Amino acid sequence: MSKILSNKNNLQVLYEDNHIIIVNKRAGDIVQGDKTGDKPLSDVVKEYIAEKYNKPGNVFLGVVHRLDRPTTGIIVFARTSKALPRLNALFAEKKAKKTYWAVVKNTPPKQQDTLTHWLRKNPKNNKSTAFTKEVTGSKKAILDYTIKKTLDRYVLLEIALHTGRHHQIRAQLSSIGCKIKGDLKYGFDRSNKDASIHLHARKLVFTHPVKKEPLEIIAPLPNDPVWNACV
């Protein structure tokens, strides 16, 4: 299900019904308001709903999960108070299967592997450090990666998360020498022009919280030469 239903006001809607709306987040968008004061994606979605369905007053929209600001891909919002706690439980209980794509500079040591680290977040610089054994204040982080494609200068990895830690993919891949393209914070040597990083929430598979139907959402990749070479 990779068709974009709407691309109005730079909002790529991938799926919507009465209970949920799923969008393809662009690099630079923040999902929820923060100290920057920049307009969050949640407000853009509320405006879209208000305009499309001619809804007066406040539009209900529940934030279920987030992506880092420079990351792109699938974001799910709840449109009803009935759907929100069910979606929250779905994500908390790891019943939503997330697949990420990352473009990295170096080829990892194995074709596919499971990485286990302990991550410790430093709130001062908003960065997590990966350790090979447990340290004070750390949380266990596990992911699977597979080499999906080898490009001229980069490698495309497909990643499945077992845990959801702060900057988990970025920190774990950096720790094995596979820094994500554009990710200066985790050691890549130069930034992307649009301040993005080449990390994309590509696919989400879950059961609809109200309809109980299976859903598979695939988010189209950003339009740039490196991502275009991945498909």
C-alpha atoms as a PDB file:
ATOM      1  CA  MET A   1       0.000   0.000   0.000  1.00  0.00           C
ATOM      2  CA  SER A   2       2.461   2.643  -1.177  1.00  0.00           C
ATOM      3  CA  LYS A   3       0.108   4.937  -3.080  1.00  0.00           C
ATOM      4  CA  ILE A   4      -0.007   8.510  -1.832  1.00  0.00           C
ATOM      5  CA  LEU A   5      -3.671   9.387  -1.295  1.00  0.00           C
ATOM      6  CA  SER A   6      -3.048  13.100  -0.908  1.00  0.00           C
ATOM      7  CA  ASN A   7      -0.043  15.362  -1.332  1.00  0.00           C
ATOM      8  CA  LYS A   8      -1.704  18.636  -0.439  1.00  0.00           C
ATOM      9  CA  ASN A   9       0.373  21.266   1.384  1.00  0.00           C
ATOM     10  CA  ASN A  10       3.350  18.889   1.272  1.00  0.00           C
ATOM     11  CA  LEU A  11       1.413  16.378   3.403  1.00  0.00           C
ATOM     12  CA  GLN A  12       1.722  12.872   1.978  1.00  0.00           C
ATOM     13  CA  VAL A  13      -1.232  10.861   3.260  1.00  0.00           C
ATOM     14  CA  LEU A  14      -0.696   7.104   2.871  1.00  0.00           C
ATOM     15  CA  TYR A  15      -3.881   5.864   4.556  1.00  0.00           C
ATOM     16  CA  GLU A  16      -6.891   7.368   6.286  1.00  0.00           C
ATOM     17  CA  ASP A  17     -10.266   6.340   7.624  1.00  0.00           C
ATOM     18  CA  ASN A  18     -12.517   7.483  10.472  1.00  0.00           C
ATOM     19  CA  HIS A  19     -10.147   6.201  13.147  1.00  0.00           C
ATOM     20  CA  ILE A  20      -6.559   6.620  11.936  1.00  0.00           C
ATOM     21  CA  ILE A  21      -4.483   8.630   9.495  1.00  0.00           C
ATOM     22  CA  ILE A  22      -1.010   7.607   8.337  1.00  0.00           C
ATOM     23  CA  VAL A  23       1.394  10.036   6.683  1.00  0.00           C
ATOM     24  CA  ASN A  24       4.862   9.974   5.128  1.00  0.00           C
ATOM     25  CA  LYS A  25       6.964  12.359   7.201  1.00  0.00           C
ATOM     26  CA  ARG A  26       9.428  14.596   5.405  1.00  0.00           C
ATOM     27  CA  ALA A  27      12.904  15.371   6.705  1.00  0.00           C
ATOM     28  CA  GLY A  28      12.839  18.399   8.991  1.00  0.00           C
ATOM     29  CA  ASP A  29       9.271  17.901  10.191  1.00  0.00           C
ATOM     30  CA  ILE A  30       8.774  17.531  13.924  1.00  0.00           C
ATOM     31  CA  VAL A  31       5.957  15.175  14.873  1.00  0.00           C
ATOM     32  CA  GLN A  32       4.887  17.054  17.995  1.00  0.00           C
ATOM     33  CA  GLY A  33       5.523  20.589  19.234  1.00  0.00           C
ATOM     34  CA  ASP A  34       8.841  21.223  20.985  1.00  0.00           C
ATOM     35  CA  LYS A  35      10.970  24.065  22.329  1.00  0.00           C
ATOM     36  CA  THR A  36      11.866  25.229  18.794  1.00  0.00           C
ATOM     37  CA  GLY A  37       8.336  26.538  18.360  1.00  0.00           C
ATOM     38  CA  ASP A  38       8.282  25.196  14.802  1.00  0.00           C
ATOM     39  CA  LYS A  39       4.922  24.070  13.473  1.00  0.00           C
ATOM     40  CA  PRO A  40       4.590  20.323  14.152  1.00  0.00           C
ATOM     41  CA  LEU A  41       3.327  17.701  11.751  1.00  0.00           C
ATOM     42  CA  SER A  42       0.402  17.031  14.115  1.00  0.00           C
ATOM     43  CA  ASP A  43      -0.887  20.574  13.493  1.00  0.00           C
ATOM     44  CA  VAL A  44      -0.523  20.167   9.716  1.00  0.00           C
ATOM     45  CA  VAL A  45      -2.564  16.952   9.870  1.00  0.00           C
ATOM     46  CA  LYS A  46      -5.236  18.623  12.019  1.00  0.00           C
ATOM     47  CA  GLU A  47      -5.563  21.418   9.457  1.00  0.00           C
ATOM     48  CA  TYR A  48      -5.830  18.864   6.655  1.00  0.00           C
ATOM     49  CA  ILE A  49      -8.638  17.025   8.460  1.00  0.00           C
ATOM     50  CA  ALA A  50     -10.473  20.233   9.349  1.00  0.00           C
ATOM     51  CA  GLU A  51     -10.386  21.422   5.743  1.00  0.00           C
ATOM     52  CA  LYS A  52     -11.177  18.092   4.067  1.00  0.00           C
ATOM     53  CA  TYR A  53     -14.095  17.189   6.306  1.00  0.00           C
ATOM     54  CA  ASN A  54     -15.219  20.760   7.051  1.00  0.00           C
ATOM     55  CA  LYS A  55     -14.824  20.243  10.793  1.00  0.00           C
ATOM     56  CA  PRO A  56     -15.433  23.321  12.957  1.00  0.00           C
ATOM     57  CA  GLY A  57     -13.614  23.778  16.252  1.00  0.00           C
ATOM     58  CA  ASN A  58     -10.799  21.642  17.575  1.00  0.00           C
ATOM     59  CA  VAL A  59      -9.883  18.485  15.656  1.00  0.00           C
ATOM     60  CA  PHE A  60      -8.961  15.463  17.778  1.00  0.00           C
ATOM     61  CA  LEU A  61      -5.626  13.947  16.836  1.00  0.00           C
ATOM     62  CA  GLY A  62      -3.600  11.580  18.989  1.00  0.00           C
ATOM     63  CA  VAL A  63       0.176  11.222  18.583  1.00  0.00           C
ATOM     64  CA  VAL A  64       1.010   7.513  18.774  1.00  0.00           C
ATOM     65  CA  HIS A  65       4.772   7.468  18.082  1.00  0.00           C
ATOM     66  CA  ARG A  66       7.539   9.702  16.738  1.00  0.00           C
ATOM     67  CA  LEU A  67      10.466   9.823  14.350  1.00  0.00           C
ATOM     68  CA  ASP A  68      13.636  11.884  14.733  1.00  0.00           C
ATOM     69  CA  ARG A  69      13.468  15.224  12.968  1.00  0.00           C
ATOM     70  CA  PRO A  70      15.959  14.371  10.161  1.00  0.00           C
ATOM     71  CA  THR A  71      14.335  10.950   9.588  1.00  0.00           C
ATOM     72  CA  THR A  72      11.604  10.293   7.026  1.00  0.00           C
ATOM     73  CA  GLY A  73       8.782   7.794   6.686  1.00  0.00           C
ATOM     74  CA  ILE A  74       5.665   6.393   8.287  1.00  0.00           C
ATOM     75  CA  ILE A  75       3.880   8.173  11.122  1.00  0.00           C
ATOM     76  CA  VAL A  76       0.528   7.001  12.512  1.00  0.00           C
ATOM     77  CA  PHE A  77      -1.973   9.333  14.199  1.00  0.00           C
ATOM     78  CA  ALA A  78      -5.236   8.435  15.925  1.00  0.00           C
ATOM     79  CA  ARG A  79      -8.330  10.317  14.757  1.00  0.00           C
ATOM     80  CA  THR A  80     -10.594   9.128  17.589  1.00  0.00           C
ATOM     81  CA  SER A  81     -10.317   8.715  21.349  1.00  0.00           C
ATOM     82  CA  LYS A  82     -11.358   5.086  20.797  1.00  0.00           C
ATOM     83  CA  ALA A  83      -8.432   4.345  18.504  1.00  0.00           C
ATOM     84  CA  LEU A  84      -5.720   6.177  20.489  1.00  0.00           C
ATOM     85  CA  PRO A  85      -5.343   3.861  23.528  1.00  0.00           C
ATOM     86  CA  ARG A  86      -5.607   0.812  21.274  1.00  0.00           C
ATOM     87  CA  LEU A  87      -2.854   2.120  19.008  1.00  0.00           C
ATOM     88  CA  ASN A  88      -0.742   3.063  22.032  1.00  0.00           C
ATOM     89  CA  ALA A  89      -1.083  -0.501  23.343  1.00  0.00           C
ATOM     90  CA  LEU A  90      -0.303  -1.944  19.911  1.00  0.00           C
ATOM     91  CA  PHE A  91       2.991  -0.038  19.714  1.00  0.00           C
ATOM     92  CA  ALA A  92       3.871  -0.548  23.397  1.00  0.00           C
ATOM     93  CA  GLU A  93       3.352  -4.300  23.086  1.00  0.00           C
ATOM     94  CA  LYS A  94       5.458  -4.439  19.886  1.00  0.00           C
ATOM     95  CA  LYS A  95       2.509  -5.714  17.847  1.00  0.00           C
ATOM     96  CA  ALA A  96       3.230  -3.228  15.075  1.00  0.00           C
ATOM     97  CA  LYS A  97       6.055  -4.560  12.883  1.00  0.00           C
ATOM     98  CA  LYS A  98       8.307  -1.706  11.723  1.00  0.00           C
ATOM     99  CA  THR A  99      10.844  -1.971   8.913  1.00  0.00           C
ATOM    100  CA  TYR A 100      13.413   0.766   8.333  1.00  0.00           C
ATOM    101  CA  TRP A 101      15.798   1.410   5.454  1.00  0.00           C
ATOM    102  CA  ALA A 102      19.177   3.033   6.096  1.00  0.00           C
ATOM    103  CA  VAL A 103      21.902   4.064   3.665  1.00  0.00           C
ATOM    104  CA  VAL A 104      25.328   3.677   5.265  1.00  0.00           C
ATOM    105  CA  LYS A 105      28.878   4.387   4.166  1.00  0.00           C
ATOM    106  CA  ASN A 106      30.607   1.133   5.085  1.00  0.00           C
ATOM    107  CA  THR A 107      29.595  -2.468   4.501  1.00  0.00           C
ATOM    108  CA  PRO A 108      28.751  -4.222   7.788  1.00  0.00           C
ATOM    109  CA  PRO A 109      30.767  -7.303   8.757  1.00  0.00           C
ATOM    110  CA  LYS A 110      27.964  -9.761   7.951  1.00  0.00           C
ATOM    111  CA  GLN A 111      25.247 -10.045   5.296  1.00  0.00           C
ATOM    112  CA  GLN A 112      22.724 -10.115   8.116  1.00  0.00           C
ATOM    113  CA  ASP A 113      23.045 -10.003  11.873  1.00  0.00           C
ATOM    114  CA  THR A 114      21.393  -9.155  15.173  1.00  0.00           C
ATOM    115  CA  LEU A 115      22.974  -6.262  17.063  1.00  0.00           C
ATOM    116  CA  THR A 116      22.657  -6.070  20.843  1.00  0.00           C
ATOM    117  CA  HIS A 117      23.915  -3.025  22.735  1.00  0.00           C
ATOM    118  CA  TRP A 118      23.142  -1.046  25.857  1.00  0.00           C
ATOM    119  CA  LEU A 119      22.283   2.567  25.042  1.00  0.00           C
ATOM    120  CA  ARG A 120      22.717   5.476  27.409  1.00  0.00           C
ATOM    121  CA  LYS A 121      21.135   8.793  26.515  1.00  0.00           C
ATOM    122  CA  ASN A 122      22.830  12.102  27.256  1.00  0.00           C
ATOM    123  CA  PRO A 123      20.049  14.723  27.423  1.00  0.00           C
ATOM    124  CA  LYS A 124      22.571  17.593  27.223  1.00  0.00           C
ATOM    125  CA  ASN A 125      23.551  16.818  23.635  1.00  0.00           C
ATOM    126  CA  ASN A 126      20.491  14.682  22.806  1.00  0.00           C
ATOM    127  CA  LYS A 127      22.665  11.753  21.852  1.00  0.00           C
ATOM    128  CA  SER A 128      22.829   8.084  22.809  1.00  0.00           C
ATOM    129  CA  THR A 129      26.029   6.090  23.245  1.00  0.00           C
ATOM    130  CA  ALA A 130      26.102   2.357  22.500  1.00  0.00           C
ATOM    131  CA  PHE A 131      27.977   0.035  24.866  1.00  0.00           C
ATOM    132  CA  THR A 132      28.713  -3.666  24.372  1.00  0.00           C
ATOM    133  CA  LYS A 133      27.791  -4.412  27.996  1.00  0.00           C
ATOM    134  CA  GLU A 134      25.398  -2.932  30.514  1.00  0.00           C
ATOM    135  CA  VAL A 135      26.479   0.326  32.149  1.00  0.00           C
ATOM    136  CA  THR A 136      24.783   2.605  34.665  1.00  0.00           C
ATOM    137  CA  GLY A 137      21.707   4.268  33.197  1.00  0.00           C
ATOM    138  CA  SER A 138      21.713   2.189  30.017  1.00  0.00           C
ATOM    139  CA  LYS A 139      18.867   0.313  28.321  1.00  0.00           C
ATOM    140  CA  LYS A 140      19.161  -2.834  26.235  1.00  0.00           C
ATOM    141  CA  ALA A 141      18.742  -2.258  22.482  1.00  0.00           C
ATOM    142  CA  ILE A 142      18.302  -4.992  19.870  1.00  0.00           C
ATOM    143  CA  LEU A 143      17.881  -4.789  16.098  1.00  0.00           C
ATOM    144  CA  ASP A 144      18.240  -7.051  13.074  1.00  0.00           C
ATOM    145  CA  TYR A 145      19.845  -5.805   9.866  1.00  0.00           C
ATOM    146  CA  THR A 146      20.147  -7.267   6.377  1.00  0.00           C
ATOM    147  CA  ILE A 147      22.157  -5.903   3.460  1.00  0.00           C
ATOM    148  CA  LYS A 148      19.472  -5.190   0.881  1.00  0.00           C
ATOM    149  CA  LYS A 149      21.518  -3.578  -1.895  1.00  0.00           C
ATOM    150  CA  THR A 150      25.097  -2.473  -2.565  1.00  0.00           C
ATOM    151  CA  LEU A 151      25.330   0.905  -4.328  1.00  0.00           C
ATOM    152  CA  ASP A 152      28.356   2.585  -5.910  1.00  0.00           C
ATOM    153  CA  ARG A 153      29.484   4.316  -2.735  1.00  0.00           C
ATOM    154  CA  TYR A 154      26.957   3.217  -0.132  1.00  0.00           C
ATOM    155  CA  VAL A 155      25.106   0.193   1.221  1.00  0.00           C
ATOM    156  CA  LEU A 156      21.352  -0.079   1.767  1.00  0.00           C
ATOM    157  CA  LEU A 157      20.369  -1.888   4.961  1.00  0.00           C
ATOM    158  CA  GLU A 158      16.933  -3.144   5.957  1.00  0.00           C
ATOM    159  CA  ILE A 159      16.379  -2.991   9.702  1.00  0.00           C
ATOM    160  CA  ALA A 160      13.843  -4.531  12.062  1.00  0.00           C
ATOM    161  CA  LEU A 161      13.673  -3.214  15.619  1.00  0.00           C
ATOM    162  CA  HIS A 162      13.121  -5.404  18.669  1.00  0.00           C
ATOM    163  CA  THR A 163      13.285  -2.439  21.040  1.00  0.00           C
ATOM    164  CA  GLY A 164      12.493   1.239  20.673  1.00  0.00           C
ATOM    165  CA  ARG A 165      15.305   3.252  22.222  1.00  0.00           C
ATOM    166  CA  HIS A 166      16.384   6.860  21.714  1.00  0.00           C
ATOM    167  CA  HIS A 167      18.295   7.148  18.406  1.00  0.00           C
ATOM    168  CA  GLN A 168      18.658   3.370  18.474  1.00  0.00           C
ATOM    169  CA  ILE A 169      19.350   2.664  14.800  1.00  0.00           C
ATOM    170  CA  ARG A 170      21.655   5.647  14.464  1.00  0.00           C
ATOM    171  CA  ALA A 171      23.712   4.773  17.557  1.00  0.00           C
ATOM    172  CA  GLN A 172      23.899   1.021  16.964  1.00  0.00           C
ATOM    173  CA  LEU A 173      24.895   1.260  13.295  1.00  0.00           C
ATOM    174  CA  SER A 174      27.469   3.942  14.092  1.00  0.00           C
ATOM    175  CA  SER A 175      28.980   1.696  16.757  1.00  0.00           C
ATOM    176  CA  ILE A 176      29.779  -1.006  14.154  1.00  0.00           C
ATOM    177  CA  GLY A 177      31.277   1.568  11.759  1.00  0.00           C
ATOM    178  CA  CYS A 178      28.185   1.866   9.530  1.00  0.00           C
ATOM    179  CA  LYS A 179      27.361   5.534   9.910  1.00  0.00           C
ATOM    180  CA  ILE A 180      24.129   6.686   8.241  1.00  0.00           C
ATOM    181  CA  LYS A 181      24.580   9.068   5.301  1.00  0.00           C
ATOM    182  CA  GLY A 182      24.194  12.675   6.467  1.00  0.00           C
ATOM    183  CA  ASP A 183      24.153  11.855  10.185  1.00  0.00           C
ATOM    184  CA  LEU A 184      26.797  14.225  11.547  1.00  0.00           C
ATOM    185  CA  LYS A 185      25.696  13.589  15.139  1.00  0.00           C
ATOM    186  CA  TYR A 186      26.701   9.946  14.853  1.00  0.00           C
ATOM    187  CA  GLY A 187      29.923  10.423  12.930  1.00  0.00           C
ATOM    188  CA  PHE A 188      29.143  10.755   9.222  1.00  0.00           C
ATOM    189  CA  ASP A 189      31.647  13.144   7.643  1.00  0.00           C
ATOM    190  CA  ARG A 190      29.256  15.589   5.948  1.00  0.00           C
ATOM    191  CA  SER A 191      25.647  16.659   6.129  1.00  0.00           C
ATOM    192  CA  ASN A 192      22.963  16.273   3.487  1.00  0.00           C
ATOM    193  CA  LYS A 193      21.927  19.536   1.825  1.00  0.00           C
ATOM    194  CA  ASP A 194      18.417  19.372   3.288  1.00  0.00           C
ATOM    195  CA  ALA A 195      19.674  18.431   6.789  1.00  0.00           C
ATOM    196  CA  SER A 196      18.090  14.991   6.428  1.00  0.00           C
ATOM    197  CA  ILE A 197      19.719  11.684   7.207  1.00  0.00           C
ATOM    198  CA  HIS A 198      19.242   8.605   5.026  1.00  0.00           C
ATOM    199  CA  LEU A 199      17.049   6.749   7.499  1.00  0.00           C
ATOM    200  CA  HIS A 200      13.491   5.987   6.399  1.00  0.00           C
ATOM    201  CA  ALA A 201      10.608   4.265   8.198  1.00  0.00           C
ATOM    202  CA  ARG A 202       9.735   2.175   5.147  1.00  0.00           C
ATOM    203  CA  LYS A 203       7.057  -0.325   6.154  1.00  0.00           C
ATOM    204  CA  LEU A 204       4.538  -0.867   8.944  1.00  0.00           C
ATOM    205  CA  VAL A 205       2.399  -3.967   9.400  1.00  0.00           C
ATOM    206  CA  PHE A 206      -0.285  -4.090  12.083  1.00  0.00           C
ATOM    207  CA  THR A 207      -3.909  -4.938  12.790  1.00  0.00           C
ATOM    208  CA  HIS A 208      -6.357  -2.036  12.562  1.00  0.00           C
ATOM    209  CA  PRO A 209      -7.273  -1.097  16.162  1.00  0.00           C
ATOM    210  CA  VAL A 210     -11.007  -0.845  15.456  1.00  0.00           C
ATOM    211  CA  LYS A 211     -11.730  -2.741  12.241  1.00  0.00           C
ATOM    212  CA  LYS A 212      -9.400  -5.603  13.238  1.00  0.00           C
ATOM    213  CA  GLU A 213      -8.220  -5.876   9.632  1.00  0.00           C
ATOM    214  CA  PRO A 214      -4.539  -6.391   8.689  1.00  0.00           C
ATOM    215  CA  LEU A 215      -2.810  -3.304   7.314  1.00  0.00           C
ATOM    216  CA  GLU A 216       0.492  -3.067   5.452  1.00  0.00           C
ATOM    217  CA  ILE A 217       1.718   0.454   4.768  1.00  0.00           C
ATOM    218  CA  ILE A 218       4.763   1.232   2.614  1.00  0.00           C
ATOM    219  CA  ALA A 219       6.124   4.782   2.507  1.00  0.00           C
ATOM    220  CA  PRO A 220       7.637   5.990  -0.789  1.00  0.00           C
ATOM    221  CA  LEU A 221      11.263   7.075  -0.488  1.00  0.00           C
ATOM    222  CA  PRO A 222      12.345  10.716  -0.626  1.00  0.00           C
ATOM    223  CA  ASN A 223      13.249  11.881  -4.106  1.00  0.00           C
ATOM    224  CA  ASP A 224      17.028  12.132  -4.233  1.00  0.00           C
ATOM    225  CA  PRO A 225      19.693  10.352  -6.324  1.00  0.00           C
ATOM    226  CA  VAL A 226      20.858   7.995  -3.560  1.00  0.00           C
ATOM    227  CA  TRP A 227      17.376   6.916  -2.487  1.00  0.00           C
ATOM    228  CA  ASN A 228      16.365   6.595  -6.142  1.00  0.00           C
ATOM    229  CA  ALA A 229      19.241   4.146  -6.645  1.00  0.00           C
ATOM    230  CA  CYS A 230      17.859   1.938  -3.860  1.00  0.00           C
ATOM    231  CA  VAL A 231      14.785   0.803  -5.808  1.00  0.00           C
END
